[in-house]
Amino acid sequence: MLNLALTFGFTAMGLAMLLNVFRLVKGPDAVDRVTALDTLYINTIAVLMLVGIRIGSDIFFEAALLIAMMGFVGTVALAKHLRRGSIIE
């Protein structure tokens, strides 16, 4: 049963990542691209968690935590750049 759930999870996350890449490339403006990039790193975290469950290794959970921290900082920096035009005041 766990293998079926993991297979469904990988399929759903793969489809979500594909749609996010489409929005990242085709997005009409910069805000849509930043939102797609933000959602893409969240999907990457979910995939890493699924791989960690499948393999049974704790290192993937730590990698997901690092990606979450870097993704948050990157999203804040991109939002600040879009709002003001500069990141550092």
PDB file of N, CA and C in Angstrom:
ATOM      1  N   MET A   1       0.814  -1.190   0.000  1.00  0.00           N
ATOM      2  CA  MET A   1       0.000   0.000   0.000  1.00  0.00           C
ATOM      3  C   MET A   1       0.866   1.265   0.000  1.00  0.00           C
ATOM      4  N   LEU A   2       1.976   1.209   0.740  1.00  0.00           N
ATOM      5  CA  LEU A   2       2.871   2.366   0.785  1.00  0.00           C
ATOM      6  C   LEU A   2       3.502   2.616  -0.577  1.00  0.00           C
ATOM      7  N   ASN A   3       3.860   1.545  -1.291  1.00  0.00           N
ATOM      8  CA  ASN A   3       4.432   1.715  -2.628  1.00  0.00           C
ATOM      9  C   ASN A   3       3.452   2.360  -3.590  1.00  0.00           C
ATOM     10  N   LEU A   4       2.185   2.017  -3.480  1.00  0.00           N
ATOM     11  CA  LEU A   4       1.164   2.626  -4.327  1.00  0.00           C
ATOM     12  C   LEU A   4       1.011   4.112  -4.018  1.00  0.00           C
ATOM     13  N   ALA A   5       1.015   4.448  -2.741  1.00  0.00           N
ATOM     14  CA  ALA A   5       0.907   5.853  -2.338  1.00  0.00           C
ATOM     15  C   ALA A   5       2.130   6.648  -2.782  1.00  0.00           C
ATOM     16  N   LEU A   6       3.308   6.064  -2.669  1.00  0.00           N
ATOM     17  CA  LEU A   6       4.523   6.755  -3.105  1.00  0.00           C
ATOM     18  C   LEU A   6       4.543   6.936  -4.617  1.00  0.00           C
ATOM     19  N   THR A   7       4.095   5.933  -5.354  1.00  0.00           N
ATOM     20  CA  THR A   7       4.024   6.055  -6.806  1.00  0.00           C
ATOM     21  C   THR A   7       3.054   7.150  -7.217  1.00  0.00           C
ATOM     22  N   PHE A   8       1.896   7.215  -6.568  1.00  0.00           N
ATOM     23  CA  PHE A   8       0.938   8.275  -6.839  1.00  0.00           C
ATOM     24  C   PHE A   8       1.528   9.638  -6.490  1.00  0.00           C
ATOM     25  N   GLY A   9       2.241   9.716  -5.359  1.00  0.00           N
ATOM     26  CA  GLY A   9       2.862  10.966  -4.948  1.00  0.00           C
ATOM     27  C   GLY A   9       3.914  11.446  -5.943  1.00  0.00           C
ATOM     28  N   PHE A  10       4.757  10.524  -6.412  1.00  0.00           N
ATOM     29  CA  PHE A  10       5.763  10.894  -7.410  1.00  0.00           C
ATOM     30  C   PHE A  10       5.107  11.352  -8.714  1.00  0.00           C
ATOM     31  N   THR A  11       4.047  10.682  -9.123  1.00  0.00           N
ATOM     32  CA  THR A  11       3.357  11.065 -10.351  1.00  0.00           C
ATOM     33  C   THR A  11       2.725  12.444 -10.214  1.00  0.00           C
ATOM     34  N   ALA A  12       2.064  12.686  -9.093  1.00  0.00           N
ATOM     35  CA  ALA A  12       1.416  13.976  -8.874  1.00  0.00           C
ATOM     36  C   ALA A  12       2.444  15.096  -8.790  1.00  0.00           C
ATOM     37  N   MET A  13       3.542  14.868  -8.094  1.00  0.00           N
ATOM     38  CA  MET A  13       4.572  15.913  -7.977  1.00  0.00           C
ATOM     39  C   MET A  13       5.268  16.147  -9.319  1.00  0.00           C
ATOM     40  N   GLY A  14       5.451  15.097 -10.105  1.00  0.00           N
ATOM     41  CA  GLY A  14       6.043  15.267 -11.435  1.00  0.00           C
ATOM     42  C   GLY A  14       5.160  16.111 -12.334  1.00  0.00           C
ATOM     43  N   LEU A  15       3.862  15.852 -12.294  1.00  0.00           N
ATOM     44  CA  LEU A  15       2.924  16.649 -13.083  1.00  0.00           C
ATOM     45  C   LEU A  15       2.890  18.097 -12.598  1.00  0.00           C
ATOM     46  N   ALA A  16       2.887  18.280 -11.289  1.00  0.00           N
ATOM     47  CA  ALA A  16       2.884  19.642 -10.736  1.00  0.00           C
ATOM     48  C   ALA A  16       4.157  20.396 -11.116  1.00  0.00           C
ATOM     49  N   MET A  17       5.288  19.725 -11.077  1.00  0.00           N
ATOM     50  CA  MET A  17       6.548  20.381 -11.451  1.00  0.00           C
ATOM     51  C   MET A  17       6.557  20.716 -12.942  1.00  0.00           C
ATOM     52  N   LEU A  18       6.015  19.842 -13.756  1.00  0.00           N
ATOM     53  CA  LEU A  18       5.937  20.124 -15.189  1.00  0.00           C
ATOM     54  C   LEU A  18       5.071  21.351 -15.464  1.00  0.00           C
ATOM     55  N   LEU A  19       3.938  21.453 -14.792  1.00  0.00           N
ATOM     56  CA  LEU A  19       3.074  22.621 -14.954  1.00  0.00           C
ATOM     57  C   LEU A  19       3.728  23.898 -14.422  1.00  0.00           C
ATOM     58  N   ASN A  20       4.508  23.764 -13.350  1.00  0.00           N
ATOM     59  CA  ASN A  20       5.223  24.930 -12.824  1.00  0.00           C
ATOM     60  C   ASN A  20       6.298  25.409 -13.785  1.00  0.00           C
ATOM     61  N   VAL A  21       7.002  24.487 -14.409  1.00  0.00           N
ATOM     62  CA  VAL A  21       8.022  24.875 -15.388  1.00  0.00           C
ATOM     63  C   VAL A  21       7.359  25.558 -16.584  1.00  0.00           C
ATOM     64  N   PHE A  22       6.197  25.066 -16.986  1.00  0.00           N
ATOM     65  CA  PHE A  22       5.464  25.711 -18.074  1.00  0.00           C
ATOM     66  C   PHE A  22       5.106  27.149 -17.703  1.00  0.00           C
ATOM     67  N   ARG A  23       4.614  27.368 -16.487  1.00  0.00           N
ATOM     68  CA  ARG A  23       4.257  28.722 -16.054  1.00  0.00           C
ATOM     69  C   ARG A  23       5.504  29.587 -15.886  1.00  0.00           C
ATOM     70  N   LEU A  24       6.602  28.974 -15.487  1.00  0.00           N
ATOM     71  CA  LEU A  24       7.853  29.714 -15.333  1.00  0.00           C
ATOM     72  C   LEU A  24       8.348  30.226 -16.673  1.00  0.00           C
ATOM     73  N   VAL A  25       8.215  29.420 -17.703  1.00  0.00           N
ATOM     74  CA  VAL A  25       8.679  29.813 -19.031  1.00  0.00           C
ATOM     75  C   VAL A  25       7.672  30.734 -19.712  1.00  0.00           C
ATOM     76  N   LYS A  26       6.397  30.441 -19.614  1.00  0.00           N
ATOM     77  CA  LYS A  26       5.380  31.153 -20.377  1.00  0.00           C
ATOM     78  C   LYS A  26       4.735  32.307 -19.622  1.00  0.00           C
ATOM     79  N   GLY A  27       4.956  32.407 -18.311  1.00  0.00           N
ATOM     80  CA  GLY A  27       4.273  33.407 -17.501  1.00  0.00           C
ATOM     81  C   GLY A  27       4.221  34.786 -18.127  1.00  0.00           C
ATOM     82  N   PRO A  28       3.061  35.438 -18.081  1.00  0.00           N
ATOM     83  CA  PRO A  28       2.942  36.734 -18.757  1.00  0.00           C
ATOM     84  C   PRO A  28       3.759  37.851 -18.108  1.00  0.00           C
ATOM     85  N   ASP A  29       3.986  37.788 -16.811  1.00  0.00           N
ATOM     86  CA  ASP A  29       4.799  38.834 -16.183  1.00  0.00           C
ATOM     87  C   ASP A  29       5.689  38.219 -15.106  1.00  0.00           C
ATOM     88  N   ALA A  30       6.478  39.082 -14.485  1.00  0.00           N
ATOM     89  CA  ALA A  30       7.480  38.608 -13.532  1.00  0.00           C
ATOM     90  C   ALA A  30       6.854  38.028 -12.269  1.00  0.00           C
ATOM     91  N   VAL A  31       5.721  38.546 -11.852  1.00  0.00           N
ATOM     92  CA  VAL A  31       5.084  38.039 -10.637  1.00  0.00           C
ATOM     93  C   VAL A  31       4.651  36.584 -10.821  1.00  0.00           C
ATOM     94  N   ASP A  32       4.130  36.249 -11.988  1.00  0.00           N
ATOM     95  CA  ASP A  32       3.758  34.859 -12.257  1.00  0.00           C
ATOM     96  C   ASP A  32       4.982  33.954 -12.261  1.00  0.00           C
ATOM     97  N   ARG A  33       6.079  34.448 -12.780  1.00  0.00           N
ATOM     98  CA  ARG A  33       7.312  33.643 -12.808  1.00  0.00           C
ATOM     99  C   ARG A  33       7.867  33.413 -11.408  1.00  0.00           C
ATOM    100  N   VAL A  34       7.821  34.439 -10.559  1.00  0.00           N
ATOM    101  CA  VAL A  34       8.301  34.276  -9.182  1.00  0.00           C
ATOM    102  C   VAL A  34       7.396  33.310  -8.423  1.00  0.00           C
ATOM    103  N   THR A  35       6.101  33.398  -8.623  1.00  0.00           N
ATOM    104  CA  THR A  35       5.172  32.474  -7.968  1.00  0.00           C
ATOM    105  C   THR A  35       5.413  31.039  -8.443  1.00  0.00           C
ATOM    106  N   ALA A  36       5.654  30.861  -9.733  1.00  0.00           N
ATOM    107  CA  ALA A  36       5.940  29.523 -10.256  1.00  0.00           C
ATOM    108  C   ALA A  36       7.249  28.987  -9.685  1.00  0.00           C
ATOM    109  N   LEU A  37       8.248  29.838  -9.553  1.00  0.00           N
ATOM    110  CA  LEU A  37       9.521  29.413  -8.977  1.00  0.00           C
ATOM    111  C   LEU A  37       9.360  29.037  -7.508  1.00  0.00           C
ATOM    112  N   ASP A  38       8.564  29.796  -6.781  1.00  0.00           N
ATOM    113  CA  ASP A  38       8.295  29.497  -5.381  1.00  0.00           C
ATOM    114  C   ASP A  38       7.583  28.155  -5.248  1.00  0.00           C
ATOM    115  N   THR A  39       6.596  27.917  -6.068  1.00  0.00           N
ATOM    116  CA  THR A  39       5.868  26.655  -6.027  1.00  0.00           C
ATOM    117  C   THR A  39       6.752  25.497  -6.481  1.00  0.00           C
ATOM    118  N   LEU A  40       7.667  25.764  -7.402  1.00  0.00           N
ATOM    119  CA  LEU A  40       8.575  24.720  -7.878  1.00  0.00           C
ATOM    120  C   LEU A  40       9.508  24.247  -6.777  1.00  0.00           C
ATOM    121  N   TYR A  41      10.017  25.166  -5.963  1.00  0.00           N
ATOM    122  CA  TYR A  41      10.897  24.687  -4.890  1.00  0.00           C
ATOM    123  C   TYR A  41      10.096  23.986  -3.802  1.00  0.00           C
ATOM    124  N   ILE A  42       8.848  24.349  -3.593  1.00  0.00           N
ATOM    125  CA  ILE A  42       8.019  23.619  -2.633  1.00  0.00           C
ATOM    126  C   ILE A  42       7.756  22.198  -3.139  1.00  0.00           C
ATOM    127  N   ASN A  43       7.526  22.053  -4.445  1.00  0.00           N
ATOM    128  CA  ASN A  43       7.354  20.720  -5.015  1.00  0.00           C
ATOM    129  C   ASN A  43       8.641  19.908  -4.923  1.00  0.00           C
ATOM    130  N   THR A  44       9.778  20.562  -5.064  1.00  0.00           N
ATOM    131  CA  THR A  44      11.063  19.874  -4.915  1.00  0.00           C
ATOM    132  C   THR A  44      11.228  19.347  -3.495  1.00  0.00           C
ATOM    133  N   ILE A  45      10.790  20.122  -2.529  1.00  0.00           N
ATOM    134  CA  ILE A  45      10.837  19.667  -1.136  1.00  0.00           C
ATOM    135  C   ILE A  45       9.969  18.424  -0.965  1.00  0.00           C
ATOM    136  N   ALA A  46       8.785  18.437  -1.566  1.00  0.00           N
ATOM    137  CA  ALA A  46       7.893  17.275  -1.464  1.00  0.00           C
ATOM    138  C   ALA A  46       8.506  16.039  -2.115  1.00  0.00           C
ATOM    139  N   VAL A  47       9.160  16.222  -3.260  1.00  0.00           N
ATOM    140  CA  VAL A  47       9.808  15.085  -3.928  1.00  0.00           C
ATOM    141  C   VAL A  47      10.948  14.536  -3.068  1.00  0.00           C
ATOM    142  N   LEU A  48      11.727  15.420  -2.466  1.00  0.00           N
ATOM    143  CA  LEU A  48      12.804  14.953  -1.585  1.00  0.00           C
ATOM    144  C   LEU A  48      12.252  14.184  -0.389  1.00  0.00           C
ATOM    145  N   MET A  49      11.127  14.628   0.139  1.00  0.00           N
ATOM    146  CA  MET A  49      10.514  13.898   1.250  1.00  0.00           C
ATOM    147  C   MET A  49      10.042  12.514   0.795  1.00  0.00           C
ATOM    148  N   LEU A  50       9.467  12.440  -0.407  1.00  0.00           N
ATOM    149  CA  LEU A  50       9.033  11.149  -0.929  1.00  0.00           C
ATOM    150  C   LEU A  50      10.218  10.215  -1.172  1.00  0.00           C
ATOM    151  N   VAL A  51      11.318  10.763  -1.694  1.00  0.00           N
ATOM    152  CA  VAL A  51      12.517   9.937  -1.900  1.00  0.00           C
ATOM    153  C   VAL A  51      13.063   9.458  -0.561  1.00  0.00           C
ATOM    154  N   GLY A  52      13.054  10.327   0.441  1.00  0.00           N
ATOM    155  CA  GLY A  52      13.509   9.923   1.775  1.00  0.00           C
ATOM    156  C   GLY A  52      12.675   8.806   2.362  1.00  0.00           C
ATOM    157  N   ILE A  53      11.368   8.862   2.135  1.00  0.00           N
ATOM    158  CA  ILE A  53      10.492   7.793   2.623  1.00  0.00           C
ATOM    159  C   ILE A  53      10.752   6.506   1.853  1.00  0.00           C
ATOM    160  N   ARG A  54      10.915   6.609   0.524  1.00  0.00           N
ATOM    161  CA  ARG A  54      11.121   5.421  -0.309  1.00  0.00           C
ATOM    162  C   ARG A  54      12.442   4.728   0.051  1.00  0.00           C
ATOM    163  N   ILE A  55      13.515   5.510   0.181  1.00  0.00           N
ATOM    164  CA  ILE A  55      14.828   4.918   0.449  1.00  0.00           C
ATOM    165  C   ILE A  55      15.005   4.592   1.929  1.00  0.00           C
ATOM    166  N   GLY A  56      14.393   5.391   2.784  1.00  0.00           N
ATOM    167  CA  GLY A  56      14.542   5.178   4.219  1.00  0.00           C
ATOM    168  C   GLY A  56      15.749   5.881   4.797  1.00  0.00           C
ATOM    169  N   SER A  57      16.140   6.992   4.179  1.00  0.00           N
ATOM    170  CA  SER A  57      17.305   7.726   4.629  1.00  0.00           C
ATOM    171  C   SER A  57      16.888   9.087   5.185  1.00  0.00           C
ATOM    172  N   ASP A  58      17.548   9.518   6.257  1.00  0.00           N
ATOM    173  CA  ASP A  58      17.233  10.797   6.882  1.00  0.00           C
ATOM    174  C   ASP A  58      17.891  11.981   6.187  1.00  0.00           C
ATOM    175  N   ILE A  59      18.873  11.743   5.345  1.00  0.00           N
ATOM    176  CA  ILE A  59      19.617  12.835   4.718  1.00  0.00           C
ATOM    177  C   ILE A  59      18.723  13.655   3.790  1.00  0.00           C
ATOM    178  N   PHE A  60      17.716  13.035   3.195  1.00  0.00           N
ATOM    179  CA  PHE A  60      16.820  13.755   2.294  1.00  0.00           C
ATOM    180  C   PHE A  60      15.947  14.746   3.044  1.00  0.00           C
ATOM    181  N   PHE A  61      15.611  14.446   4.286  1.00  0.00           N
ATOM    182  CA  PHE A  61      14.819  15.374   5.080  1.00  0.00           C
ATOM    183  C   PHE A  61      15.638  16.617   5.434  1.00  0.00           C
ATOM    184  N   GLU A  62      16.918  16.414   5.704  1.00  0.00           N
ATOM    185  CA  GLU A  62      17.791  17.553   5.982  1.00  0.00           C
ATOM    186  C   GLU A  62      18.010  18.393   4.726  1.00  0.00           C
ATOM    187  N   ALA A  63      18.146  17.744   3.585  1.00  0.00           N
ATOM    188  CA  ALA A  63      18.280  18.475   2.324  1.00  0.00           C
ATOM    189  C   ALA A  63      17.011  19.270   2.029  1.00  0.00           C
ATOM    190  N   ALA A  64      15.849  18.713   2.332  1.00  0.00           N
ATOM    191  CA  ALA A  64      14.590  19.425   2.128  1.00  0.00           C
ATOM    192  C   ALA A  64      14.509  20.650   3.029  1.00  0.00           C
ATOM    193  N   LEU A  65      15.002  20.544   4.244  1.00  0.00           N
ATOM    194  CA  LEU A  65      15.015  21.687   5.153  1.00  0.00           C
ATOM    195  C   LEU A  65      15.930  22.792   4.632  1.00  0.00           C
ATOM    196  N   LEU A  66      17.089  22.427   4.109  1.00  0.00           N
ATOM    197  CA  LEU A  66      18.005  23.423   3.543  1.00  0.00           C
ATOM    198  C   LEU A  66      17.401  24.104   2.315  1.00  0.00           C
ATOM    199  N   ILE A  67      16.750  23.344   1.461  1.00  0.00           N
ATOM    200  CA  ILE A  67      16.112  23.937   0.282  1.00  0.00           C
ATOM    201  C   ILE A  67      14.984  24.865   0.711  1.00  0.00           C
ATOM    202  N   ALA A  68      14.253  24.511   1.758  1.00  0.00           N
ATOM    203  CA  ALA A  68      13.169  25.371   2.243  1.00  0.00           C
ATOM    204  C   ALA A  68      13.715  26.706   2.742  1.00  0.00           C
ATOM    205  N   MET A  69      14.822  26.669   3.467  1.00  0.00           N
ATOM    206  CA  MET A  69      15.402  27.918   3.968  1.00  0.00           C
ATOM    207  C   MET A  69      15.936  28.784   2.828  1.00  0.00           C
ATOM    208  N   MET A  70      16.643  28.171   1.887  1.00  0.00           N
ATOM    209  CA  MET A  70      17.179  28.943   0.759  1.00  0.00           C
ATOM    210  C   MET A  70      16.053  29.456  -0.143  1.00  0.00           C
ATOM    211  N   GLY A  71      15.011  28.665  -0.317  1.00  0.00           N
ATOM    212  CA  GLY A  71      13.890  29.089  -1.137  1.00  0.00           C
ATOM    213  C   GLY A  71      13.155  30.264  -0.529  1.00  0.00           C
ATOM    214  N   PHE A  72      13.000  30.274   0.786  1.00  0.00           N
ATOM    215  CA  PHE A  72      12.341  31.393   1.449  1.00  0.00           C
ATOM    216  C   PHE A  72      13.138  32.673   1.269  1.00  0.00           C
ATOM    217  N   VAL A  73      14.431  32.601   1.487  1.00  0.00           N
ATOM    218  CA  VAL A  73      15.281  33.781   1.321  1.00  0.00           C
ATOM    219  C   VAL A  73      15.263  34.257  -0.130  1.00  0.00           C
ATOM    220  N   GLY A  74      15.301  33.332  -1.068  1.00  0.00           N
ATOM    221  CA  GLY A  74      15.261  33.700  -2.483  1.00  0.00           C
ATOM    222  C   GLY A  74      13.944  34.345  -2.873  1.00  0.00           C
ATOM    223  N   THR A  75      12.845  33.834  -2.357  1.00  0.00           N
ATOM    224  CA  THR A  75      11.541  34.416  -2.668  1.00  0.00           C
ATOM    225  C   THR A  75      11.416  35.819  -2.089  1.00  0.00           C
ATOM    226  N   VAL A  76      11.889  36.016  -0.879  1.00  0.00           N
ATOM    227  CA  VAL A  76      11.842  37.349  -0.269  1.00  0.00           C
ATOM    228  C   VAL A  76      12.721  38.322  -1.053  1.00  0.00           C
ATOM    229  N   ALA A  77      13.897  37.875  -1.474  1.00  0.00           N
ATOM    230  CA  ALA A  77      14.788  38.750  -2.246  1.00  0.00           C
ATOM    231  C   ALA A  77      14.181  39.107  -3.601  1.00  0.00           C
ATOM    232  N   LEU A  78      13.578  38.138  -4.276  1.00  0.00           N
ATOM    233  CA  LEU A  78      12.948  38.430  -5.563  1.00  0.00           C
ATOM    234  C   LEU A  78      11.747  39.356  -5.408  1.00  0.00           C
ATOM    235  N   ALA A  79      10.955  39.154  -4.370  1.00  0.00           N
ATOM    236  CA  ALA A  79       9.802  40.026  -4.142  1.00  0.00           C
ATOM    237  C   ALA A  79      10.254  41.449  -3.827  1.00  0.00           C
ATOM    238  N   LYS A  80      11.310  41.582  -3.053  1.00  0.00           N
ATOM    239  CA  LYS A  80      11.832  42.911  -2.730  1.00  0.00           C
ATOM    240  C   LYS A  80      12.406  43.580  -3.975  1.00  0.00           C
ATOM    241  N   HIS A  81      13.051  42.810  -4.813  1.00  0.00           N
ATOM    242  CA  HIS A  81      13.597  43.363  -6.059  1.00  0.00           C
ATOM    243  C   HIS A  81      12.470  43.828  -6.988  1.00  0.00           C
ATOM    244  N   LEU A  82      11.408  43.051  -7.083  1.00  0.00           N
ATOM    245  CA  LEU A  82      10.285  43.447  -7.936  1.00  0.00           C
ATOM    246  C   LEU A  82       9.556  44.669  -7.377  1.00  0.00           C
ATOM    247  N   ARG A  83       9.507  44.774  -6.078  1.00  0.00           N
ATOM    248  CA  ARG A  83       8.783  45.890  -5.445  1.00  0.00           C
ATOM    249  C   ARG A  83       9.561  47.195  -5.518  1.00  0.00           C
ATOM    250  N   ARG A  84      10.867  47.154  -5.186  1.00  0.00           N
ATOM    251  CA  ARG A  84      11.662  48.383  -5.075  1.00  0.00           C
ATOM    252  C   ARG A  84      12.711  48.563  -6.151  1.00  0.00           C
ATOM    253  N   GLY A  85      13.087  47.504  -6.800  1.00  0.00           N
ATOM    254  CA  GLY A  85      14.144  47.613  -7.814  1.00  0.00           C
ATOM    255  C   GLY A  85      15.526  47.320  -7.286  1.00  0.00           C
ATOM    256  N   SER A  86      15.676  47.226  -5.954  1.00  0.00           N
ATOM    257  CA  SER A  86      16.973  46.874  -5.365  1.00  0.00           C
ATOM    258  C   SER A  86      16.716  45.968  -4.165  1.00  0.00           C
ATOM    259  N   ILE A  87      17.716  45.204  -3.825  1.00  0.00           N
ATOM    260  CA  ILE A  87      17.561  44.273  -2.707  1.00  0.00           C
ATOM    261  C   ILE A  87      18.141  44.864  -1.436  1.00  0.00           C
ATOM    262  N   ILE A  88      19.310  45.471  -1.564  1.00  0.00           N
ATOM    263  CA  ILE A  88      19.979  46.049  -0.399  1.00  0.00           C
ATOM    264  C   ILE A  88      19.768  47.553  -0.425  1.00  0.00           C
ATOM    265  N   GLU A  89      19.337  48.082   0.717  1.00  0.00           N
ATOM    266  CA  GLU A  89      19.079  49.523   0.785  1.00  0.00           C
ATOM    267  C   GLU A  89      20.281  50.273   1.293  1.00  0.00           C
TER     268      GLU A  89
END
